[in-house]
Amino acid sequence: SSYPDGVRHQGYEIYEQLQVGAEACV
């Protein structure tokens, strides 16, 4: 949400590597 376009993809990469995502929060 706040990094420049050139590095924003790294946030998606971090999230995609997680075995459990935010949807697991109950």
PDB file of all heavy atoms in Angstrom:
ATOM      1  N   SER A   1       0.786  -1.230   0.000  1.00  0.00           N
ATOM      2  CA  SER A   1       0.000   0.000   0.000  1.00  0.00           C
ATOM      3  C   SER A   1       0.821   1.284   0.000  1.00  0.00           C
ATOM      4  O   SER A   1       0.329   2.320  -0.412  1.00  0.00           O
ATOM      5  CB  SER A   1      -0.960   0.013   1.193  1.00  0.00           C
ATOM      6  OG  SER A   1      -0.239   0.048   2.404  1.00  0.00           O
ATOM      7  N   SER A   2       2.088   1.221   0.426  1.00  0.00           N
ATOM      8  CA  SER A   2       2.804   2.489   0.547  1.00  0.00           C
ATOM      9  C   SER A   2       4.195   2.535  -0.082  1.00  0.00           C
ATOM     10  O   SER A   2       4.791   3.602  -0.115  1.00  0.00           O
ATOM     11  CB  SER A   2       2.910   2.879   2.028  1.00  0.00           C
ATOM     12  OG  SER A   2       3.630   1.912   2.752  1.00  0.00           O
ATOM     13  N   TYR A   3       4.700   1.424  -0.569  1.00  0.00           N
ATOM     14  CA  TYR A   3       6.020   1.447  -1.198  1.00  0.00           C
ATOM     15  C   TYR A   3       5.895   1.874  -2.657  1.00  0.00           C
ATOM     16  O   TYR A   3       4.834   1.737  -3.261  1.00  0.00           O
ATOM     17  CB  TYR A   3       6.675   0.067  -1.120  1.00  0.00           C
ATOM     18  CG  TYR A   3       7.321  -0.261   0.204  1.00  0.00           C
ATOM     19  CD1 TYR A   3       6.854   0.261   1.408  1.00  0.00           C
ATOM     20  CD2 TYR A   3       8.407  -1.107   0.270  1.00  0.00           C
ATOM     21  CE1 TYR A   3       7.443  -0.054   2.617  1.00  0.00           C
ATOM     22  CE2 TYR A   3       9.004  -1.423   1.486  1.00  0.00           C
ATOM     23  CZ  TYR A   3       8.522  -0.889   2.642  1.00  0.00           C
ATOM     24  OH  TYR A   3       9.109  -1.200   3.840  1.00  0.00           O
ATOM     25  N   PRO A   4       6.980   2.364  -3.255  1.00  0.00           N
ATOM     26  CA  PRO A   4       6.957   2.745  -4.675  1.00  0.00           C
ATOM     27  C   PRO A   4       6.645   1.545  -5.570  1.00  0.00           C
ATOM     28  O   PRO A   4       6.904   0.392  -5.201  1.00  0.00           O
ATOM     29  CB  PRO A   4       8.372   3.245  -4.941  1.00  0.00           C
ATOM     30  CG  PRO A   4       8.956   3.546  -3.607  1.00  0.00           C
ATOM     31  CD  PRO A   4       8.273   2.643  -2.622  1.00  0.00           C
ATOM     32  N   ASP A   5       6.104   1.826  -6.729  1.00  0.00           N
ATOM     33  CA  ASP A   5       5.696   0.772  -7.663  1.00  0.00           C
ATOM     34  C   ASP A   5       6.798  -0.252  -7.937  1.00  0.00           C
ATOM     35  O   ASP A   5       6.521  -1.435  -8.057  1.00  0.00           O
ATOM     36  CB  ASP A   5       5.235   1.378  -8.997  1.00  0.00           C
ATOM     37  CG  ASP A   5       3.917   2.113  -8.862  1.00  0.00           C
ATOM     38  OD1 ASP A   5       3.164   1.828  -7.905  1.00  0.00           O
ATOM     39  OD2 ASP A   5       3.640   2.974  -9.719  1.00  0.00           O
ATOM     40  N   GLY A   6       8.033   0.180  -8.017  1.00  0.00           N
ATOM     41  CA  GLY A   6       9.129  -0.713  -8.360  1.00  0.00           C
ATOM     42  C   GLY A   6       9.431  -1.789  -7.336  1.00  0.00           C
ATOM     43  O   GLY A   6      10.048  -2.803  -7.657  1.00  0.00           O
ATOM     44  N   VAL A   7       9.014  -1.595  -6.096  1.00  0.00           N
ATOM     45  CA  VAL A   7       9.290  -2.587  -5.060  1.00  0.00           C
ATOM     46  C   VAL A   7       8.027  -3.130  -4.401  1.00  0.00           C
ATOM     47  O   VAL A   7       8.095  -3.990  -3.536  1.00  0.00           O
ATOM     48  CB  VAL A   7      10.243  -2.028  -3.973  1.00  0.00           C
ATOM     49  CG1 VAL A   7      11.621  -1.792  -4.531  1.00  0.00           C
ATOM     50  CG2 VAL A   7       9.683  -0.774  -3.350  1.00  0.00           C
ATOM     51  N   ARG A   8       6.894  -2.617  -4.794  1.00  0.00           N
ATOM     52  CA  ARG A   8       5.611  -3.037  -4.217  1.00  0.00           C
ATOM     53  C   ARG A   8       5.405  -4.554  -4.351  1.00  0.00           C
ATOM     54  O   ARG A   8       4.825  -5.193  -3.472  1.00  0.00           O
ATOM     55  CB  ARG A   8       4.494  -2.282  -4.924  1.00  0.00           C
ATOM     56  CG  ARG A   8       3.153  -2.441  -4.306  1.00  0.00           C
ATOM     57  CD  ARG A   8       2.187  -1.480  -4.918  1.00  0.00           C
ATOM     58  NE  ARG A   8       2.550  -0.151  -4.438  1.00  0.00           N
ATOM     59  CZ  ARG A   8       2.114   0.970  -4.960  1.00  0.00           C
ATOM     60  NH1 ARG A   8       1.310   0.947  -5.982  1.00  0.00           N
ATOM     61  NH2 ARG A   8       2.483   2.124  -4.472  1.00  0.00           N
ATOM     62  N   HIS A   9       5.896  -5.122  -5.410  1.00  0.00           N
ATOM     63  CA  HIS A   9       5.738  -6.560  -5.655  1.00  0.00           C
ATOM     64  C   HIS A   9       6.335  -7.403  -4.534  1.00  0.00           C
ATOM     65  O   HIS A   9       5.905  -8.534  -4.297  1.00  0.00           O
ATOM     66  CB  HIS A   9       6.367  -6.957  -6.996  1.00  0.00           C
ATOM     67  CG  HIS A   9       7.858  -6.798  -7.013  1.00  0.00           C
ATOM     68  ND1 HIS A   9       8.706  -7.827  -6.667  1.00  0.00           N
ATOM     69  CD2 HIS A   9       8.651  -5.737  -7.304  1.00  0.00           C
ATOM     70  CE1 HIS A   9       9.960  -7.404  -6.764  1.00  0.00           C
ATOM     71  NE2 HIS A   9       9.944  -6.132  -7.146  1.00  0.00           N
ATOM     72  N   GLN A  10       7.306  -6.862  -3.827  1.00  0.00           N
ATOM     73  CA  GLN A  10       7.935  -7.616  -2.745  1.00  0.00           C
ATOM     74  C   GLN A  10       6.941  -7.918  -1.618  1.00  0.00           C
ATOM     75  O   GLN A  10       7.017  -8.960  -0.981  1.00  0.00           O
ATOM     76  CB  GLN A  10       9.136  -6.858  -2.196  1.00  0.00           C
ATOM     77  CG  GLN A  10      10.266  -6.774  -3.197  1.00  0.00           C
ATOM     78  CD  GLN A  10      11.424  -5.931  -2.699  1.00  0.00           C
ATOM     79  OE1 GLN A  10      11.333  -5.252  -1.672  1.00  0.00           O
ATOM     80  NE2 GLN A  10      12.526  -5.964  -3.427  1.00  0.00           N
ATOM     81  N   GLY A  11       5.998  -7.025  -1.403  1.00  0.00           N
ATOM     82  CA  GLY A  11       4.958  -7.280  -0.408  1.00  0.00           C
ATOM     83  C   GLY A  11       4.116  -8.473  -0.791  1.00  0.00           C
ATOM     84  O   GLY A  11       3.799  -9.327   0.036  1.00  0.00           O
ATOM     85  N   TYR A  12       3.740  -8.540  -2.074  1.00  0.00           N
ATOM     86  CA  TYR A  12       2.967  -9.696  -2.556  1.00  0.00           C
ATOM     87  C   TYR A  12       3.777 -10.980  -2.427  1.00  0.00           C
ATOM     88  O   TYR A  12       3.252 -12.021  -2.068  1.00  0.00           O
ATOM     89  CB  TYR A  12       2.542  -9.499  -4.010  1.00  0.00           C
ATOM     90  CG  TYR A  12       1.474  -8.465  -4.199  1.00  0.00           C
ATOM     91  CD1 TYR A  12       1.722  -7.306  -4.930  1.00  0.00           C
ATOM     92  CD2 TYR A  12       0.200  -8.631  -3.661  1.00  0.00           C
ATOM     93  CE1 TYR A  12       0.731  -6.355  -5.116  1.00  0.00           C
ATOM     94  CE2 TYR A  12      -0.796  -7.689  -3.846  1.00  0.00           C
ATOM     95  CZ  TYR A  12      -0.518  -6.555  -4.566  1.00  0.00           C
ATOM     96  OH  TYR A  12      -1.499  -5.620  -4.746  1.00  0.00           O
ATOM     97  N   GLU A  13       5.076 -10.888  -2.717  1.00  0.00           N
ATOM     98  CA  GLU A  13       5.934 -12.073  -2.625  1.00  0.00           C
ATOM     99  C   GLU A  13       6.022 -12.580  -1.181  1.00  0.00           C
ATOM    100  O   GLU A  13       5.966 -13.785  -0.944  1.00  0.00           O
ATOM    101  CB  GLU A  13       7.324 -11.763  -3.180  1.00  0.00           C
ATOM    102  CG  GLU A  13       7.324 -11.562  -4.680  1.00  0.00           C
ATOM    103  CD  GLU A  13       8.638 -11.041  -5.223  1.00  0.00           C
ATOM    104  OE1 GLU A  13       9.622 -10.912  -4.451  1.00  0.00           O
ATOM    105  OE2 GLU A  13       8.687 -10.732  -6.424  1.00  0.00           O
ATOM    106  N   ILE A  14       6.161 -11.669  -0.241  1.00  0.00           N
ATOM    107  CA  ILE A  14       6.201 -12.061   1.171  1.00  0.00           C
ATOM    108  C   ILE A  14       4.904 -12.772   1.536  1.00  0.00           C
ATOM    109  O   ILE A  14       4.913 -13.841   2.150  1.00  0.00           O
ATOM    110  CB  ILE A  14       6.415 -10.832   2.079  1.00  0.00           C
ATOM    111  CG1 ILE A  14       7.836 -10.313   1.932  1.00  0.00           C
ATOM    112  CG2 ILE A  14       6.094 -11.162   3.535  1.00  0.00           C
ATOM    113  CD1 ILE A  14       8.075  -8.980   2.617  1.00  0.00           C
ATOM    114  N   TYR A  15       3.790 -12.178   1.140  1.00  0.00           N
ATOM    115  CA  TYR A  15       2.490 -12.744   1.502  1.00  0.00           C
ATOM    116  C   TYR A  15       2.267 -14.111   0.860  1.00  0.00           C
ATOM    117  O   TYR A  15       1.759 -15.027   1.504  1.00  0.00           O
ATOM    118  CB  TYR A  15       1.375 -11.777   1.109  1.00  0.00           C
ATOM    119  CG  TYR A  15       0.030 -12.175   1.659  1.00  0.00           C
ATOM    120  CD1 TYR A  15      -0.208 -12.180   3.023  1.00  0.00           C
ATOM    121  CD2 TYR A  15      -1.002 -12.548   0.813  1.00  0.00           C
ATOM    122  CE1 TYR A  15      -1.432 -12.555   3.547  1.00  0.00           C
ATOM    123  CE2 TYR A  15      -2.241 -12.917   1.320  1.00  0.00           C
ATOM    124  CZ  TYR A  15      -2.450 -12.916   2.680  1.00  0.00           C
ATOM    125  OH  TYR A  15      -3.666 -13.286   3.187  1.00  0.00           O
ATOM    126  N   GLU A  16       2.661 -14.258  -0.394  1.00  0.00           N
ATOM    127  CA  GLU A  16       2.460 -15.526  -1.100  1.00  0.00           C
ATOM    128  C   GLU A  16       3.296 -16.656  -0.512  1.00  0.00           C
ATOM    129  O   GLU A  16       2.942 -17.823  -0.647  1.00  0.00           O
ATOM    130  CB  GLU A  16       2.764 -15.344  -2.586  1.00  0.00           C
ATOM    131  CG  GLU A  16       1.713 -14.499  -3.287  1.00  0.00           C
ATOM    132  CD  GLU A  16       2.116 -14.071  -4.685  1.00  0.00           C
ATOM    133  OE1 GLU A  16       3.241 -14.403  -5.143  1.00  0.00           O
ATOM    134  OE2 GLU A  16       1.312 -13.372  -5.325  1.00  0.00           O
ATOM    135  N   GLN A  17       4.391 -16.330   0.158  1.00  0.00           N
ATOM    136  CA  GLN A  17       5.247 -17.353   0.751  1.00  0.00           C
ATOM    137  C   GLN A  17       4.725 -17.861   2.097  1.00  0.00           C
ATOM    138  O   GLN A  17       5.182 -18.889   2.589  1.00  0.00           O
ATOM    139  CB  GLN A  17       6.668 -16.822   0.926  1.00  0.00           C
ATOM    140  CG  GLN A  17       7.378 -16.617  -0.386  1.00  0.00           C
ATOM    141  CD  GLN A  17       8.766 -16.036  -0.205  1.00  0.00           C
ATOM    142  OE1 GLN A  17       9.291 -15.965   0.902  1.00  0.00           O
ATOM    143  NE2 GLN A  17       9.369 -15.619  -1.298  1.00  0.00           N
ATOM    144  N   LEU A  18       3.778 -17.152   2.677  1.00  0.00           N
ATOM    145  CA  LEU A  18       3.238 -17.573   3.963  1.00  0.00           C
ATOM    146  C   LEU A  18       2.340 -18.799   3.802  1.00  0.00           C
ATOM    147  O   LEU A  18       1.580 -18.885   2.847  1.00  0.00           O
ATOM    148  CB  LEU A  18       2.429 -16.433   4.598  1.00  0.00           C
ATOM    149  CG  LEU A  18       3.197 -15.162   4.916  1.00  0.00           C
ATOM    150  CD1 LEU A  18       2.247 -14.084   5.402  1.00  0.00           C
ATOM    151  CD2 LEU A  18       4.270 -15.437   5.960  1.00  0.00           C
ATOM    152  N   GLN A  19       2.440 -19.710   4.723  1.00  0.00           N
ATOM    153  CA  GLN A  19       1.606 -20.907   4.657  1.00  0.00           C
ATOM    154  C   GLN A  19       0.179 -20.621   5.101  1.00  0.00           C
ATOM    155  O   GLN A  19      -0.751 -21.311   4.697  1.00  0.00           O
ATOM    156  CB  GLN A  19       2.216 -22.016   5.508  1.00  0.00           C
ATOM    157  CG  GLN A  19       3.511 -22.531   4.933  1.00  0.00           C
ATOM    158  CD  GLN A  19       4.071 -23.688   5.733  1.00  0.00           C
ATOM    159  OE1 GLN A  19       3.540 -24.072   6.764  1.00  0.00           O
ATOM    160  NE2 GLN A  19       5.155 -24.249   5.247  1.00  0.00           N
ATOM    161  N   VAL A  20       0.018 -19.611   5.949  1.00  0.00           N
ATOM    162  CA  VAL A  20      -1.306 -19.234   6.456  1.00  0.00           C
ATOM    163  C   VAL A  20      -1.485 -17.745   6.211  1.00  0.00           C
ATOM    164  O   VAL A  20      -0.637 -16.944   6.595  1.00  0.00           O
ATOM    165  CB  VAL A  20      -1.410 -19.535   7.972  1.00  0.00           C
ATOM    166  CG1 VAL A  20      -2.753 -19.091   8.510  1.00  0.00           C
ATOM    167  CG2 VAL A  20      -1.182 -21.005   8.242  1.00  0.00           C
ATOM    168  N   GLY A  21      -2.571 -17.381   5.572  1.00  0.00           N
ATOM    169  CA  GLY A  21      -2.814 -15.982   5.261  1.00  0.00           C
ATOM    170  C   GLY A  21      -3.725 -15.302   6.264  1.00  0.00           C
ATOM    171  O   GLY A  21      -4.170 -15.901   7.258  1.00  0.00           O
ATOM    172  N   ALA A  22      -4.046 -14.066   5.991  1.00  0.00           N
ATOM    173  CA  ALA A  22      -4.871 -13.254   6.880  1.00  0.00           C
ATOM    174  C   ALA A  22      -6.280 -13.821   7.035  1.00  0.00           C
ATOM    175  O   ALA A  22      -6.941 -13.592   8.050  1.00  0.00           O
ATOM    176  CB  ALA A  22      -4.934 -11.821   6.370  1.00  0.00           C
ATOM    177  N   GLU A  23      -6.728 -14.582   6.059  1.00  0.00           N
ATOM    178  CA  GLU A  23      -8.076 -15.163   6.126  1.00  0.00           C
ATOM    179  C   GLU A  23      -8.222 -16.173   7.262  1.00  0.00           C
ATOM    180  O   GLU A  23      -9.328 -16.516   7.662  1.00  0.00           O
ATOM    181  CB  GLU A  23      -8.461 -15.817   4.789  1.00  0.00           C
ATOM    182  CG  GLU A  23      -7.773 -17.133   4.506  1.00  0.00           C
ATOM    183  CD  GLU A  23      -6.329 -17.016   4.040  1.00  0.00           C
ATOM    184  OE1 GLU A  23      -5.863 -15.903   3.732  1.00  0.00           O
ATOM    185  OE2 GLU A  23      -5.657 -18.054   3.991  1.00  0.00           O
ATOM    186  N   ALA A  24      -7.104 -16.629   7.804  1.00  0.00           N
ATOM    187  CA  ALA A  24      -7.146 -17.608   8.899  1.00  0.00           C
ATOM    188  C   ALA A  24      -7.521 -16.971  10.237  1.00  0.00           C
ATOM    189  O   ALA A  24      -7.835 -17.683  11.186  1.00  0.00           O
ATOM    190  CB  ALA A  24      -5.797 -18.310   9.016  1.00  0.00           C
ATOM    191  N   CYS A  25      -7.513 -15.661  10.305  1.00  0.00           N
ATOM    192  CA  CYS A  25      -7.890 -14.980  11.547  1.00  0.00           C
ATOM    193  C   CYS A  25      -9.370 -15.216  11.818  1.00  0.00           C
ATOM    194  O   CYS A  25     -10.219 -14.963  10.971  1.00  0.00           O
ATOM    195  CB  CYS A  25      -7.611 -13.480  11.433  1.00  0.00           C
ATOM    196  SG  CYS A  25      -8.207 -12.524  12.835  1.00  0.00           S
ATOM    197  N   VAL A  26      -9.670 -15.698  13.021  1.00  0.00           N
ATOM    198  CA  VAL A  26     -11.062 -15.956  13.406  1.00  0.00           C
ATOM    199  C   VAL A  26     -11.573 -14.899  14.395  1.00  0.00           C
ATOM    200  O   VAL A  26     -12.626 -15.059  15.005  1.00  0.00           O
ATOM    201  CB  VAL A  26     -11.236 -17.376  13.994  1.00  0.00           C
ATOM    202  CG1 VAL A  26     -10.953 -18.430  12.941  1.00  0.00           C
ATOM    203  CG2 VAL A  26     -10.357 -17.564  15.219  1.00  0.00           C
TER     204      VAL A  26
END
